[in-house]
């Protein structure tokens, strides 16, 4: 699977990119038709506290269609784990419908 990582207002470290690539690539276990993943990292300010949420958006492309999930968390790693879990549920739900 080809994983493309882009970011807005963030310069991700190599270690973070490797973490994201590893976690997103595991989704092929649930649907081998997934060929490509686009990951977008961004920051979102919330209210007057100037607290910045880390936002991870992932779109998967495959022969059977596409999947999308977006999660916010305190760190990019945490948001990545949440978004991968959400995508896993979508894939399994889609496979169940096809049976």
Foldseek 3Di string as FASTA:
>chain_A
DAEAEDEDPDDDDPVLVVLLCVLLVVLCVLPVQWDYKYKYWYWDQDPPVRQIWIKIWMWIDGPVGIDIDMATDNDPNVRSVVRSVVVSVVSVVVVVVVD
